[in-house]
Amino acid sequence: METKLFYNEESISTVFDVDETNRWKELVESLSLTGQKELLVNDKLVMPFPLITEAEGFIMKDIFNEKVNYKEYSVEAIPLKILETIVLAEKEKYFDEIEIWYSKYYPDLYVIGRRYVDANARKNKYHWSMLCYKIAAWGTKVKSVSELFPLWIKKRREDIENEYKNNLSELDSKISKFEFQINSMK
């Protein structure tokens, strides 16, 4: 079994080194970098996990059709390295929600952190305004989103073909029914 932890290389040292975090904060403050200040979580640590891009989110949400809070996940044991990473994310309060995304058709599982974009969205529970972050993944061979892309294309094509076939079948059924009704009127 393969496990993968998704840490941003440029911010990983600030997660585990308090002195480096404080030095980073001092430089951000001295340069008045307001945009960088927004990257702080609970005024202490920089977000160490990568934000999921629009393309990644679209593909992953479609492929991994099962999404459950990690506390309720019961399909298989969560690997130790993954649990340790979830503990860190919970301890540092990086996310409002942590979910496991999976599919019965695909062997890999992803741990996704979700965070509201601002205090107003959090207060009103605007789930549509949450940002998603990759925390970790595990499975037989963890595939990147670029490796998932051809699978997603295949799945989407199959979904569209099946929908098309179902629509044609419904149409054929109506045609038969209407032909019978119209012919019985002659």
Protein backbone atom coordinates (compact mmCIF):
# COMPACT_ATOMS: atom_id res chain seq x y z
CA MET A 1 0.00 0.00 0.00
CA GLU A 2 1.24 3.45 -0.91
CA THR A 3 0.62 6.59 1.15
CA LYS A 4 1.24 10.14 0.04
CA LEU A 5 1.26 13.29 2.14
CA PHE A 6 0.64 16.56 0.32
CA TYR A 7 2.74 19.22 2.00
CA ASN A 8 3.71 22.47 0.30
CA GLU A 9 7.48 22.21 0.15
CA GLU A 10 7.97 25.95 0.72
CA SER A 11 5.92 26.00 3.93
CA ILE A 12 6.63 22.59 5.46
CA SER A 13 9.52 23.85 7.58
CA THR A 14 7.27 26.47 9.22
CA VAL A 15 4.93 23.71 10.37
CA PHE A 16 7.50 22.00 12.54
CA ASP A 17 9.92 24.82 13.36
CA VAL A 18 8.51 27.54 15.63
CA ASP A 19 11.58 29.76 15.16
CA GLU A 20 11.21 29.65 11.39
CA THR A 21 7.50 30.45 11.69
CA ASN A 22 8.27 33.45 13.89
CA ARG A 23 10.98 34.65 11.50
CA TRP A 24 8.56 34.37 8.57
CA LYS A 25 5.92 36.34 10.49
CA GLU A 26 8.47 39.05 11.38
CA LEU A 27 9.47 39.48 7.74
CA VAL A 28 5.85 39.57 6.58
CA GLU A 29 5.06 42.18 9.24
CA SER A 30 8.13 44.31 8.48
CA LEU A 31 7.29 44.37 4.78
CA SER A 32 3.56 44.98 5.46
CA LEU A 33 2.61 42.03 3.27
CA THR A 34 -1.14 42.01 3.91
CA GLY A 35 -1.74 39.26 1.36
CA GLN A 36 0.80 37.02 3.09
CA LYS A 37 -0.82 37.70 6.47
CA GLU A 38 -4.00 36.14 5.10
CA LEU A 39 -2.09 32.87 4.67
CA LEU A 40 -1.71 32.56 8.43
CA VAL A 41 -4.05 30.13 10.11
CA ASN A 42 -5.16 31.15 13.59
CA ASP A 43 -2.33 33.73 13.56
CA LYS A 44 0.37 31.10 13.83
CA LEU A 45 1.14 28.75 10.99
CA VAL A 46 1.16 29.03 7.25
CA MET A 47 -1.15 26.56 5.50
CA PRO A 48 1.13 23.60 4.74
CA PHE A 49 -1.26 21.82 2.39
CA PRO A 50 -1.79 22.67 -1.30
CA LEU A 51 -5.03 24.23 -2.48
CA ILE A 52 -6.87 22.08 -4.99
CA THR A 53 -7.06 23.80 -8.38
CA GLU A 54 -10.34 24.21 -10.24
CA ALA A 55 -9.43 21.39 -12.65
CA GLU A 56 -8.33 19.07 -9.84
CA GLY A 57 -11.50 19.77 -7.88
CA PHE A 58 -13.78 19.16 -10.82
CA ILE A 59 -12.10 15.88 -11.74
CA MET A 60 -11.73 14.61 -8.18
CA LYS A 61 -15.30 15.48 -7.16
CA ASP A 62 -16.57 13.54 -10.15
CA ILE A 63 -14.33 10.47 -9.79
CA PHE A 64 -14.56 10.19 -5.99
CA ASN A 65 -18.31 10.16 -5.64
CA GLU A 66 -18.24 9.14 -1.96
CA LYS A 67 -17.33 11.90 0.49
CA VAL A 68 -17.52 11.33 4.24
CA ASN A 69 -16.19 13.05 7.34
CA TYR A 70 -13.03 11.18 8.34
CA LYS A 71 -14.52 10.47 11.80
CA GLU A 72 -17.31 8.47 10.17
CA TYR A 73 -15.20 6.62 7.59
CA SER A 74 -15.50 2.84 8.08
CA VAL A 75 -14.61 1.10 4.80
CA GLU A 76 -11.01 0.18 5.72
CA ALA A 77 -8.30 1.13 8.22
CA ILE A 78 -6.77 4.55 7.73
CA PRO A 79 -2.94 4.18 7.57
CA LEU A 80 -0.90 5.47 10.50
CA LYS A 81 0.95 8.16 8.48
CA ILE A 82 -2.40 9.49 7.28
CA LEU A 83 -3.83 9.53 10.82
CA GLU A 84 -0.78 11.43 12.08
CA THR A 85 -1.27 14.03 9.37
CA ILE A 86 -4.98 14.37 10.23
CA VAL A 87 -4.00 14.84 13.90
CA LEU A 88 -1.67 17.70 12.89
CA ALA A 89 -4.38 19.31 10.75
CA GLU A 90 -6.93 19.04 13.58
CA LYS A 91 -4.49 20.24 16.28
CA GLU A 92 -3.55 23.32 14.28
CA LYS A 93 -7.17 23.93 13.17
CA TYR A 94 -6.26 24.27 9.51
CA PHE A 95 -9.70 23.18 8.31
CA ASP A 96 -13.37 23.47 9.13
CA GLU A 97 -13.97 19.96 7.80
CA ILE A 98 -11.80 17.00 6.88
CA GLU A 99 -13.27 14.41 4.55
CA ILE A 100 -12.22 11.19 2.89
CA TRP A 101 -13.09 11.05 -0.79
CA TYR A 102 -13.30 7.63 -2.40
CA SER A 103 -15.12 5.51 -4.93
CA LYS A 104 -16.00 1.85 -5.06
CA TYR A 105 -14.73 1.89 -8.66
CA TYR A 106 -11.31 3.36 -7.86
CA PRO A 107 -8.84 1.94 -5.32
CA ASP A 108 -7.24 5.17 -4.03
CA LEU A 109 -8.61 7.37 -1.26
CA TYR A 110 -7.92 11.05 -0.69
CA VAL A 111 -8.06 13.03 2.54
CA ILE A 112 -9.38 16.50 1.75
CA GLY A 113 -9.44 19.51 4.05
CA ARG A 114 -12.21 22.04 3.51
CA ARG A 115 -12.04 25.59 4.80
CA TYR A 116 -14.50 28.48 4.54
CA VAL A 117 -13.19 31.43 2.54
CA ASP A 118 -14.00 33.91 5.32
CA ALA A 119 -15.67 34.39 8.71
CA ASN A 120 -19.02 35.33 7.15
CA ALA A 121 -19.14 32.13 5.11
CA ARG A 122 -18.18 30.14 8.22
CA LYS A 123 -20.86 31.85 10.35
CA ASN A 124 -23.57 31.21 7.75
CA LYS A 125 -22.28 27.72 6.82
CA TYR A 126 -21.94 28.60 3.13
CA HIS A 127 -20.54 25.23 2.07
CA TRP A 128 -20.35 26.30 -1.58
CA SER A 129 -17.72 28.87 -0.61
CA MET A 130 -15.31 26.38 0.91
CA LEU A 131 -11.80 25.91 -0.43
CA CYS A 132 -10.49 22.36 -0.74
CA TYR A 133 -6.95 21.26 0.09
CA LYS A 134 -5.15 17.98 -0.52
CA ILE A 135 -3.94 16.53 2.77
CA ALA A 136 -3.04 12.92 1.96
CA ALA A 137 -3.90 9.86 -0.11
CA TRP A 138 -3.47 6.13 0.14
CA GLY A 139 -4.12 3.11 -2.03
CA THR A 140 -2.54 0.48 -4.21
CA LYS A 141 -0.71 3.09 -6.28
CA VAL A 142 -1.73 6.66 -5.55
CA LYS A 143 -2.36 8.43 -8.84
CA SER A 144 -1.92 12.14 -9.41
CA VAL A 145 -4.74 14.16 -10.93
CA SER A 146 -2.88 14.14 -14.26
CA GLU A 147 -3.03 10.33 -14.12
CA LEU A 148 -6.70 10.47 -13.12
CA PHE A 149 -7.55 12.75 -16.05
CA PRO A 150 -7.78 9.93 -18.69
CA LEU A 151 -9.94 7.92 -16.25
CA TRP A 152 -12.18 10.93 -15.76
CA ILE A 153 -12.52 11.41 -19.54
CA LYS A 154 -13.45 7.74 -19.95
CA LYS A 155 -15.98 7.94 -17.09
CA ARG A 156 -17.58 11.12 -18.41
CA ARG A 157 -17.86 9.65 -21.93
CA GLU A 158 -19.45 6.49 -20.53
CA ASP A 159 -21.88 8.56 -18.45
CA ILE A 160 -22.89 10.61 -21.49
CA GLU A 161 -23.21 7.50 -23.70
CA ASN A 162 -25.37 5.77 -21.07
CA GLU A 163 -27.56 8.83 -20.69
CA TYR A 164 -27.89 9.03 -24.48
CA LYS A 165 -28.84 5.32 -24.69
CA ASN A 166 -31.40 5.75 -21.90
CA ASN A 167 -32.92 8.76 -23.66
CA LEU A 168 -33.13 6.82 -26.93
CA SER A 169 -34.72 3.89 -25.14
CA GLU A 170 -37.32 6.18 -23.55
CA LEU A 171 -37.98 7.77 -26.94
CA ASP A 172 -38.38 4.34 -28.61
CA SER A 173 -40.82 3.33 -25.89
CA LYS A 174 -42.91 6.48 -26.42
CA ILE A 175 -42.80 6.03 -30.19
CA SER A 176 -44.11 2.47 -29.85
CA LYS A 177 -46.84 3.59 -27.48
CA PHE A 178 -47.89 6.49 -29.70
CA GLU A 179 -47.76 4.36 -32.88
CA PHE A 180 -50.10 1.86 -31.25
CA GLN A 181 -52.50 4.64 -30.15
CA ILE A 182 -52.45 6.37 -33.53
CA ASN A 183 -52.85 3.09 -35.48
CA SER A 184 -55.74 2.05 -33.27
CA MET A 185 -57.60 5.25 -34.29
CA LYS A 186 -57.58 4.35 -38.00
